[in-house]
């Protein structure tokens, strides 16, 4: 197991040039990277504080052997890409969820009432959106091969400002029965198998493994 610190920011040209000197692969604009070396993080910390970037997220990476030998699996924030729409003033909340019973502090109690809307989709076959770390989106061919046989339902995904559906992607539905049927061996052994085209990108990773 490796522990890393995730660094996120809206990088300008000068910051990118400085980070490149530390062999950190980051692009201009909104981007993120992981630091595995504690000494490197300590060296960069004064700069990160000066730039006022977010560096409070700790994560873990596991080997395939560790993943497949674990008893339970928690999927958390895989391949974050974009945000739910509309993103002004959290407009997606009222559009996507029934919030009448939602806690205003922690957000528990909201129920999805409409499809998620996104501006665009990534190249990842399995991904998530910022702000909503418990929602997962998957390519429809992978849904049919992996998740549908496990009786995990899905919902359609829409394009923002457009009535059309994204026919190549679906959102996994959340329920107690889904979590019960999401077995580690049957799902993770396929997600970690390079025979599923594109699923094993270096940025696809489990963030935490624990008993549900």
C-alpha atoms as a PDB file:
ATOM      1  CA  UNK A   1       0.000   0.000   0.000  1.00  0.00           C
ATOM      2  CA  UNK A   2       1.150   3.526  -0.831  1.00  0.00           C
ATOM      3  CA  UNK A   3      -0.097   6.685   0.838  1.00  0.00           C
ATOM      4  CA  UNK A   4      -0.121   9.917  -1.141  1.00  0.00           C
ATOM      5  CA  UNK A   5      -1.266  13.511  -0.818  1.00  0.00           C
ATOM      6  CA  UNK A   6      -3.473  14.866  -3.596  1.00  0.00           C
ATOM      7  CA  UNK A   7      -2.795  18.462  -4.660  1.00  0.00           C
ATOM      8  CA  UNK A   8      -5.453  20.406  -6.570  1.00  0.00           C
ATOM      9  CA  UNK A   9      -5.270  23.910  -7.968  1.00  0.00           C
ATOM     10  CA  UNK A  10      -5.946  26.344 -10.784  1.00  0.00           C
ATOM     11  CA  UNK A  11      -2.352  26.575 -11.986  1.00  0.00           C
ATOM     12  CA  UNK A  12      -0.886  29.498 -13.885  1.00  0.00           C
ATOM     13  CA  UNK A  13       2.024  29.278 -16.326  1.00  0.00           C
ATOM     14  CA  UNK A  14       4.657  30.231 -13.743  1.00  0.00           C
ATOM     15  CA  UNK A  15       3.433  27.665 -11.215  1.00  0.00           C
ATOM     16  CA  UNK A  16       3.410  24.922 -13.853  1.00  0.00           C
ATOM     17  CA  UNK A  17       7.008  25.742 -14.824  1.00  0.00           C
ATOM     18  CA  UNK A  18       8.110  25.566 -11.189  1.00  0.00           C
ATOM     19  CA  UNK A  19       6.340  22.231 -10.615  1.00  0.00           C
ATOM     20  CA  UNK A  20       7.863  20.789 -13.778  1.00  0.00           C
ATOM     21  CA  UNK A  21      11.297  21.412 -12.243  1.00  0.00           C
ATOM     22  CA  UNK A  22      10.274  18.925  -9.553  1.00  0.00           C
ATOM     23  CA  UNK A  23       9.273  16.412 -12.277  1.00  0.00           C
ATOM     24  CA  UNK A  24       5.591  16.919 -11.438  1.00  0.00           C
ATOM     25  CA  UNK A  25       3.288  16.400 -14.410  1.00  0.00           C
ATOM     26  CA  UNK A  26       0.635  19.123 -14.195  1.00  0.00           C
ATOM     27  CA  UNK A  27      -1.106  21.249 -16.811  1.00  0.00           C
ATOM     28  CA  UNK A  28      -2.006  24.916 -16.822  1.00  0.00           C
ATOM     29  CA  UNK A  29      -5.521  25.572 -15.529  1.00  0.00           C
ATOM     30  CA  UNK A  30      -7.501  23.347 -13.160  1.00  0.00           C
ATOM     31  CA  UNK A  31      -5.553  20.132 -12.594  1.00  0.00           C
ATOM     32  CA  UNK A  32      -4.383  17.832  -9.801  1.00  0.00           C
ATOM     33  CA  UNK A  33      -1.480  15.540  -9.031  1.00  0.00           C
ATOM     34  CA  UNK A  34      -0.359  13.155  -6.302  1.00  0.00           C
ATOM     35  CA  UNK A  35       2.793  13.374  -4.166  1.00  0.00           C
ATOM     36  CA  UNK A  36       4.032  10.058  -2.747  1.00  0.00           C
ATOM     37  CA  UNK A  37       7.321  11.347  -1.337  1.00  0.00           C
ATOM     38  CA  UNK A  38       6.840  12.965   2.087  1.00  0.00           C
ATOM     39  CA  UNK A  39      10.140  14.809   1.814  1.00  0.00           C
ATOM     40  CA  UNK A  40       9.109  16.302  -1.520  1.00  0.00           C
ATOM     41  CA  UNK A  41       5.796  17.387  -0.023  1.00  0.00           C
ATOM     42  CA  UNK A  42       7.591  19.103   2.874  1.00  0.00           C
ATOM     43  CA  UNK A  43       9.834  20.869   0.377  1.00  0.00           C
ATOM     44  CA  UNK A  44       6.854  22.073  -1.672  1.00  0.00           C
ATOM     45  CA  UNK A  45       4.625  22.949   1.283  1.00  0.00           C
ATOM     46  CA  UNK A  46       5.763  26.598   1.566  1.00  0.00           C
ATOM     47  CA  UNK A  47       5.053  27.125  -2.137  1.00  0.00           C
ATOM     48  CA  UNK A  48       1.653  25.415  -1.906  1.00  0.00           C
ATOM     49  CA  UNK A  49       0.708  27.601   1.050  1.00  0.00           C
ATOM     50  CA  UNK A  50       1.853  30.701  -0.812  1.00  0.00           C
ATOM     51  CA  UNK A  51      -0.242  29.707  -3.820  1.00  0.00           C
ATOM     52  CA  UNK A  52      -3.215  28.882  -1.562  1.00  0.00           C
ATOM     53  CA  UNK A  53      -3.895  25.541  -3.253  1.00  0.00           C
ATOM     54  CA  UNK A  54      -5.825  22.637  -1.755  1.00  0.00           C
ATOM     55  CA  UNK A  55      -3.512  19.978  -0.320  1.00  0.00           C
ATOM     56  CA  UNK A  56      -5.545  18.387   2.475  1.00  0.00           C
ATOM     57  CA  UNK A  57      -6.597  15.196   0.679  1.00  0.00           C
ATOM     58  CA  UNK A  58      -4.823  11.969   1.650  1.00  0.00           C
ATOM     59  CA  UNK A  59      -5.257   8.858  -0.466  1.00  0.00           C
ATOM     60  CA  UNK A  60      -4.087   5.270  -0.709  1.00  0.00           C
ATOM     61  CA  UNK A  61      -3.068   3.036  -3.594  1.00  0.00           C
ATOM     62  CA  UNK A  62      -3.071  -0.748  -3.408  1.00  0.00           C
ATOM     63  CA  UNK A  63      -1.495  -3.488  -5.465  1.00  0.00           C
ATOM     64  CA  UNK A  64      -3.727  -5.829  -7.456  1.00  0.00           C
ATOM     65  CA  UNK A  65      -2.938  -8.563  -4.955  1.00  0.00           C
ATOM     66  CA  UNK A  66      -4.026  -6.383  -2.025  1.00  0.00           C
ATOM     67  CA  UNK A  67      -7.218  -5.369  -3.817  1.00  0.00           C
ATOM     68  CA  UNK A  68      -8.259  -8.873  -4.799  1.00  0.00           C
ATOM     69  CA  UNK A  69      -7.467 -10.326  -1.379  1.00  0.00           C
ATOM     70  CA  UNK A  70      -9.540  -7.694   0.455  1.00  0.00           C
ATOM     71  CA  UNK A  71     -12.910  -8.778   1.819  1.00  0.00           C
ATOM     72  CA  UNK A  72     -14.814  -5.574   1.124  1.00  0.00           C
ATOM     73  CA  UNK A  73     -14.534  -2.796  -1.423  1.00  0.00           C
ATOM     74  CA  UNK A  74     -15.414   0.885  -1.213  1.00  0.00           C
ATOM     75  CA  UNK A  75     -15.274   2.861  -4.447  1.00  0.00           C
ATOM     76  CA  UNK A  76     -14.568   6.525  -3.805  1.00  0.00           C
ATOM     77  CA  UNK A  77     -13.894   9.364  -6.266  1.00  0.00           C
ATOM     78  CA  UNK A  78     -12.623   7.422  -9.248  1.00  0.00           C
ATOM     79  CA  UNK A  79     -11.369   9.579 -12.131  1.00  0.00           C
ATOM     80  CA  UNK A  80     -13.044  12.858 -11.184  1.00  0.00           C
ATOM     81  CA  UNK A  81     -14.000  14.821 -14.289  1.00  0.00           C
ATOM     82  CA  UNK A  82     -16.081  17.989 -14.330  1.00  0.00           C
ATOM     83  CA  UNK A  83     -19.081  18.875 -12.190  1.00  0.00           C
ATOM     84  CA  UNK A  84     -22.828  18.236 -12.252  1.00  0.00           C
ATOM     85  CA  UNK A  85     -24.746  20.856 -14.200  1.00  0.00           C
ATOM     86  CA  UNK A  86     -25.974  23.490 -13.730  1.00  0.00           C
ATOM     87  CA  UNK A  87     -23.059  24.410 -11.476  1.00  0.00           C
ATOM     88  CA  UNK A  88     -24.008  28.003 -10.612  1.00  0.00           C
ATOM     89  CA  UNK A  89     -25.230  28.302  -7.014  1.00  0.00           C
ATOM     90  CA  UNK A  90     -25.440  24.492  -6.783  1.00  0.00           C
ATOM     91  CA  UNK A  91     -28.342  24.588  -9.217  1.00  0.00           C
ATOM     92  CA  UNK A  92     -27.865  20.887  -9.960  1.00  0.00           C
ATOM     93  CA  UNK A  93     -29.153  20.031  -6.471  1.00  0.00           C
ATOM     94  CA  UNK A  94     -32.705  21.245  -7.028  1.00  0.00           C
ATOM     95  CA  UNK A  95     -32.760  19.951 -10.589  1.00  0.00           C
ATOM     96  CA  UNK A  96     -31.378  16.477  -9.890  1.00  0.00           C
ATOM     97  CA  UNK A  97     -32.475  15.679  -6.327  1.00  0.00           C
ATOM     98  CA  UNK A  98     -35.596  15.749  -4.199  1.00  0.00           C
ATOM     99  CA  UNK A  99     -34.154  17.713  -1.275  1.00  0.00           C
ATOM    100  CA  UNK A 100     -37.239  18.018   0.940  1.00  0.00           C
ATOM    101  CA  UNK A 101     -35.795  15.581   3.511  1.00  0.00           C
ATOM    102  CA  UNK A 102     -32.147  16.486   2.980  1.00  0.00           C
ATOM    103  CA  UNK A 103     -29.967  17.582   5.888  1.00  0.00           C
ATOM    104  CA  UNK A 104     -28.571  21.040   5.113  1.00  0.00           C
ATOM    105  CA  UNK A 105     -25.377  20.234   7.019  1.00  0.00           C
ATOM    106  CA  UNK A 106     -24.265  16.839   5.699  1.00  0.00           C
ATOM    107  CA  UNK A 107     -26.537  16.367   2.661  1.00  0.00           C
ATOM    108  CA  UNK A 108     -27.920  12.973   3.709  1.00  0.00           C
ATOM    109  CA  UNK A 109     -31.529  12.282   2.749  1.00  0.00           C
ATOM    110  CA  UNK A 110     -31.527  13.587  -0.821  1.00  0.00           C
ATOM    111  CA  UNK A 111     -33.167  11.337  -3.405  1.00  0.00           C
ATOM    112  CA  UNK A 112     -32.372  11.490  -7.108  1.00  0.00           C
ATOM    113  CA  UNK A 113     -35.424  12.553  -9.096  1.00  0.00           C
ATOM    114  CA  UNK A 114     -33.930  13.378 -12.495  1.00  0.00           C
ATOM    115  CA  UNK A 115     -30.935  12.501 -14.649  1.00  0.00           C
ATOM    116  CA  UNK A 116     -27.537  14.073 -14.086  1.00  0.00           C
ATOM    117  CA  UNK A 117     -26.466  16.592 -16.694  1.00  0.00           C
ATOM    118  CA  UNK A 118     -22.847  17.087 -17.727  1.00  0.00           C
ATOM    119  CA  UNK A 119     -21.025  19.401 -20.126  1.00  0.00           C
ATOM    120  CA  UNK A 120     -18.851  16.669 -21.576  1.00  0.00           C
ATOM    121  CA  UNK A 121     -17.538  13.217 -20.755  1.00  0.00           C
ATOM    122  CA  UNK A 122     -13.939  12.027 -20.287  1.00  0.00           C
ATOM    123  CA  UNK A 123     -12.091   9.215 -22.000  1.00  0.00           C
ATOM    124  CA  UNK A 124     -12.314   7.182 -18.802  1.00  0.00           C
ATOM    125  CA  UNK A 125     -14.661   4.187 -18.949  1.00  0.00           C
ATOM    126  CA  UNK A 126     -15.423   4.600 -15.219  1.00  0.00           C
ATOM    127  CA  UNK A 127     -15.527   8.059 -13.637  1.00  0.00           C
ATOM    128  CA  UNK A 128     -17.131  10.435 -11.170  1.00  0.00           C
ATOM    129  CA  UNK A 129     -18.058  14.106 -10.834  1.00  0.00           C
ATOM    130  CA  UNK A 130     -16.731  16.718  -8.448  1.00  0.00           C
ATOM    131  CA  UNK A 131     -18.889  17.565  -5.400  1.00  0.00           C
ATOM    132  CA  UNK A 132     -20.784  14.239  -5.533  1.00  0.00           C
ATOM    133  CA  UNK A 133     -18.241  11.614  -4.574  1.00  0.00           C
ATOM    134  CA  UNK A 134     -20.768   8.783  -4.122  1.00  0.00           C
ATOM    135  CA  UNK A 135     -22.078   8.800  -7.703  1.00  0.00           C
ATOM    136  CA  UNK A 136     -20.379   6.744 -10.420  1.00  0.00           C
ATOM    137  CA  UNK A 137     -20.657   6.858 -14.189  1.00  0.00           C
ATOM    138  CA  UNK A 138     -19.687   4.008 -16.459  1.00  0.00           C
ATOM    139  CA  UNK A 139     -19.517   3.230 -20.143  1.00  0.00           C
ATOM    140  CA  UNK A 140     -22.628   1.317 -21.185  1.00  0.00           C
ATOM    141  CA  UNK A 141     -20.727  -1.647 -22.630  1.00  0.00           C
ATOM    142  CA  UNK A 142     -18.931  -2.108 -19.294  1.00  0.00           C
ATOM    143  CA  UNK A 143     -22.212  -1.730 -17.432  1.00  0.00           C
ATOM    144  CA  UNK A 144     -23.726  -4.537 -19.519  1.00  0.00           C
ATOM    145  CA  UNK A 145     -20.697  -6.782 -18.984  1.00  0.00           C
ATOM    146  CA  UNK A 146     -19.975  -6.174 -15.296  1.00  0.00           C
ATOM    147  CA  UNK A 147     -22.695  -4.409 -13.340  1.00  0.00           C
ATOM    148  CA  UNK A 148     -25.938  -5.553 -14.972  1.00  0.00           C
ATOM    149  CA  UNK A 149     -25.257  -9.255 -14.216  1.00  0.00           C
ATOM    150  CA  UNK A 150     -24.924  -8.220 -10.556  1.00  0.00           C
ATOM    151  CA  UNK A 151     -28.451  -6.726 -10.653  1.00  0.00           C
ATOM    152  CA  UNK A 152     -27.084  -3.214 -10.235  1.00  0.00           C
ATOM    153  CA  UNK A 153     -29.493  -0.785 -11.863  1.00  0.00           C
ATOM    154  CA  UNK A 154     -28.510   2.322 -13.775  1.00  0.00           C
ATOM    155  CA  UNK A 155     -29.912   5.654 -14.895  1.00  0.00           C
ATOM    156  CA  UNK A 156     -29.410   7.631 -18.074  1.00  0.00           C
ATOM    157  CA  UNK A 157     -27.128  10.671 -18.291  1.00  0.00           C
ATOM    158  CA  UNK A 158     -27.973  13.855 -20.167  1.00  0.00           C
ATOM    159  CA  UNK A 159     -25.984  16.529 -21.906  1.00  0.00           C
ATOM    160  CA  UNK A 160     -26.265  19.985 -20.324  1.00  0.00           C
ATOM    161  CA  UNK A 161     -28.512  22.449 -22.202  1.00  0.00           C
ATOM    162  CA  UNK A 162     -29.563  19.664 -24.545  1.00  0.00           C
ATOM    163  CA  UNK A 163     -32.479  17.198 -24.401  1.00  0.00           C
ATOM    164  CA  UNK A 164     -30.425  14.304 -25.769  1.00  0.00           C
ATOM    165  CA  UNK A 165     -29.145  11.417 -23.669  1.00  0.00           C
ATOM    166  CA  UNK A 166     -25.555  10.246 -23.668  1.00  0.00           C
ATOM    167  CA  UNK A 167     -26.116   6.793 -25.095  1.00  0.00           C
ATOM    168  CA  UNK A 168     -22.574   5.568 -24.346  1.00  0.00           C
ATOM    169  CA  UNK A 169     -22.692   6.265 -20.585  1.00  0.00           C
ATOM    170  CA  UNK A 170     -24.890   5.399 -17.625  1.00  0.00           C
ATOM    171  CA  UNK A 171     -24.928   6.257 -13.930  1.00  0.00           C
ATOM    172  CA  UNK A 172     -24.941   3.419 -11.430  1.00  0.00           C
ATOM    173  CA  UNK A 173     -27.966   3.535  -9.147  1.00  0.00           C
ATOM    174  CA  UNK A 174     -27.390   3.568  -5.397  1.00  0.00           C
ATOM    175  CA  UNK A 175     -29.288   1.297  -3.024  1.00  0.00           C
ATOM    176  CA  UNK A 176     -28.624  -1.092  -0.161  1.00  0.00           C
ATOM    177  CA  UNK A 177     -29.190  -4.040  -2.472  1.00  0.00           C
ATOM    178  CA  UNK A 178     -26.636  -2.665  -4.918  1.00  0.00           C
ATOM    179  CA  UNK A 179     -23.977  -2.365  -2.253  1.00  0.00           C
ATOM    180  CA  UNK A 180     -24.751  -5.888  -1.063  1.00  0.00           C
ATOM    181  CA  UNK A 181     -24.325  -7.318  -4.560  1.00  0.00           C
ATOM    182  CA  UNK A 182     -21.206  -5.316  -5.430  1.00  0.00           C
ATOM    183  CA  UNK A 183     -18.787  -8.097  -4.574  1.00  0.00           C
ATOM    184  CA  UNK A 184     -15.092  -7.378  -4.623  1.00  0.00           C
ATOM    185  CA  UNK A 185     -13.951 -10.439  -6.541  1.00  0.00           C
ATOM    186  CA  UNK A 186     -16.542 -10.273  -9.316  1.00  0.00           C
ATOM    187  CA  UNK A 187     -16.177  -6.549  -9.975  1.00  0.00           C
ATOM    188  CA  UNK A 188     -12.609  -5.652  -9.096  1.00  0.00           C
ATOM    189  CA  UNK A 189     -11.044  -8.614 -10.847  1.00  0.00           C
ATOM    190  CA  UNK A 190     -12.567  -7.284 -14.080  1.00  0.00           C
ATOM    191  CA  UNK A 191     -11.832  -3.612 -13.380  1.00  0.00           C
ATOM    192  CA  UNK A 192      -8.188  -4.504 -12.806  1.00  0.00           C
ATOM    193  CA  UNK A 193      -7.981  -6.737 -15.850  1.00  0.00           C
ATOM    194  CA  UNK A 194      -6.452  -4.996 -18.837  1.00  0.00           C
ATOM    195  CA  UNK A 195      -8.643  -7.075 -21.168  1.00  0.00           C
ATOM    196  CA  UNK A 196     -11.404  -4.566 -20.483  1.00  0.00           C
ATOM    197  CA  UNK A 197     -10.388  -1.880 -22.958  1.00  0.00           C
ATOM    198  CA  UNK A 198      -9.252   1.290 -21.243  1.00  0.00           C
ATOM    199  CA  UNK A 199     -10.304   0.343 -17.726  1.00  0.00           C
ATOM    200  CA  UNK A 200      -6.790   0.062 -16.346  1.00  0.00           C
ATOM    201  CA  UNK A 201      -5.593   3.620 -16.886  1.00  0.00           C
ATOM    202  CA  UNK A 202      -3.024   4.815 -14.349  1.00  0.00           C
ATOM    203  CA  UNK A 203      -5.515   7.299 -12.928  1.00  0.00           C
ATOM    204  CA  UNK A 204      -8.134   4.655 -12.171  1.00  0.00           C
ATOM    205  CA  UNK A 205      -7.633   3.586  -8.584  1.00  0.00           C
ATOM    206  CA  UNK A 206      -9.454   2.559  -5.424  1.00  0.00           C
ATOM    207  CA  UNK A 207      -9.132   5.235  -2.765  1.00  0.00           C
ATOM    208  CA  UNK A 208     -10.134   3.234   0.293  1.00  0.00           C
ATOM    209  CA  UNK A 209     -10.923  -0.343   1.267  1.00  0.00           C
ATOM    210  CA  UNK A 210     -12.861  -1.091   4.405  1.00  0.00           C
ATOM    211  CA  UNK A 211     -15.830  -3.009   5.714  1.00  0.00           C
ATOM    212  CA  UNK A 212     -19.099  -1.325   4.747  1.00  0.00           C
END
